Every structure is written in structure tokens, then in C-alpha cells.
């Protein structure tokens, strides 16, 4: 198990949502940016099952964020995700 990969995934998990919603002072990073970071992790190393599940979960969060942002009517699911 690569400790640096675990730390990288954990960092993205902590920072991604606040950065997507502009909750980090002076910082807004798009879902494309986070998706690219996660794909880089997938492309550069062999991940174990736990790491793959963590990256997959973050990619699903990005899919949900993109779906909510593109839909004009905010659903309860989207509101819950933001909170």
C-alpha cells in the first residue's frame, strides 16, 4: 500500500466538496479539475481495492455534483449534498 496515494486520496476527499462550492476562502475549483486529479491517480499507480473504492466514490460525487449543477430545478438530493 502506497502511503502517499492514501494521503492524496484523503486530501481530495477533504478539500473537493468545499472547493466545488466555493467554501474555501478565495478558492473555487471545478469538477473537471477534481476529475483530472482523480484520473491522474488512477493512471499513475496500481491501486488496491480500498483505494479504488475511494476514488470511485469521489468520482460518483463529482457526477452527482455535475448533475445537480446542470439541472435547473434543485432537487432534495442536490440540496442535501451541498449541506
Protein backbone atom coordinates (compact mmCIF):
# COMPACT_ATOMS: atom_id res chain seq x y z
CA UNK A 1 0.00 0.00 0.00
CA UNK A 2 1.37 3.38 -1.02
CA UNK A 3 1.01 5.87 1.84
CA UNK A 4 1.36 8.87 -0.48
CA UNK A 5 -1.55 7.66 -2.60
CA UNK A 6 -3.70 7.20 0.51
CA UNK A 7 -2.79 10.71 1.65
CA UNK A 8 -3.56 12.14 -1.80
CA UNK A 9 -6.97 10.47 -1.92
CA UNK A 10 -7.73 11.61 1.64
CA UNK A 11 -6.73 15.17 0.78
CA UNK A 12 -9.03 15.23 -2.24
CA UNK A 13 -11.86 13.78 -0.15
CA UNK A 14 -11.41 16.57 2.44
CA UNK A 15 -10.98 19.51 0.08
CA UNK A 16 -13.01 18.65 -3.02
CA UNK A 17 -16.53 19.46 -1.83
CA UNK A 18 -15.68 22.79 -0.13
CA UNK A 19 -13.68 23.84 -3.21
CA UNK A 20 -16.52 22.88 -5.56
CA UNK A 21 -18.97 25.05 -3.63
CA UNK A 22 -16.52 27.93 -3.12
CA UNK A 23 -16.42 27.43 0.65
CA UNK A 24 -12.63 27.67 0.78
CA UNK A 25 -11.65 31.33 1.05
CA UNK A 26 -10.65 32.59 -2.36
CA UNK A 27 -10.75 29.15 -3.92
CA UNK A 28 -13.12 27.58 -6.40
CA UNK A 29 -12.01 24.53 -8.33
CA UNK A 30 -14.25 22.96 -10.96
CA UNK A 31 -15.40 19.37 -11.12
CA UNK A 32 -13.18 18.98 -14.20
CA UNK A 33 -10.14 19.85 -12.10
CA UNK A 34 -11.00 17.24 -9.43
CA UNK A 35 -11.88 14.63 -12.04
CA UNK A 36 -8.49 15.19 -13.69
CA UNK A 37 -6.71 14.79 -10.33
CA UNK A 38 -8.53 11.51 -9.67
CA UNK A 39 -7.83 10.19 -13.16
CA UNK A 40 -4.13 11.00 -12.67
CA UNK A 41 -4.15 8.84 -9.56
CA UNK A 42 -5.85 6.03 -11.48
CA UNK A 43 -3.40 6.32 -14.38
CA UNK A 44 -0.13 6.56 -12.47
CA UNK A 45 -0.19 3.69 -9.99
CA UNK A 46 -1.71 0.32 -9.26
CA UNK A 47 -4.35 0.87 -6.59
CA UNK A 48 -5.59 -1.64 -4.06
CA UNK A 49 -9.32 -2.34 -3.67
CA UNK A 50 -9.84 0.21 -0.87
CA UNK A 51 -8.12 2.93 -2.88
CA UNK A 52 -10.15 2.08 -5.99
CA UNK A 53 -13.38 2.26 -3.98
CA UNK A 54 -12.38 5.62 -2.51
CA UNK A 55 -11.55 7.09 -5.93
CA UNK A 56 -14.76 5.64 -7.40
CA UNK A 57 -16.79 7.18 -4.59
CA UNK A 58 -15.24 10.59 -5.24
CA UNK A 59 -15.93 10.28 -8.97
CA UNK A 60 -19.56 9.45 -8.20
CA UNK A 61 -19.75 12.57 -6.01
CA UNK A 62 -18.49 14.60 -8.95
CA UNK A 63 -21.08 13.01 -11.24
CA UNK A 64 -23.80 13.95 -8.75
CA UNK A 65 -22.44 17.50 -8.42
CA UNK A 66 -22.40 17.92 -12.21
CA UNK A 67 -25.91 16.52 -12.50
CA UNK A 68 -27.22 18.93 -9.88
CA UNK A 69 -25.46 21.95 -11.34
CA UNK A 70 -26.79 21.32 -14.84
CA UNK A 71 -30.40 20.69 -13.79
CA UNK A 72 -32.34 23.97 -13.42
CA UNK A 73 -34.63 22.65 -10.68
CA UNK A 74 -32.76 21.85 -7.48
CA UNK A 75 -33.87 18.54 -6.05
CA UNK A 76 -33.74 17.49 -2.43
CA UNK A 77 -30.78 15.21 -3.19
CA UNK A 78 -28.77 18.15 -4.54
CA UNK A 79 -29.61 20.30 -1.56
CA UNK A 80 -28.56 17.53 0.84
CA UNK A 81 -25.26 17.09 -0.99
CA UNK A 82 -24.39 20.76 -0.56
CA UNK A 83 -25.00 20.63 3.19
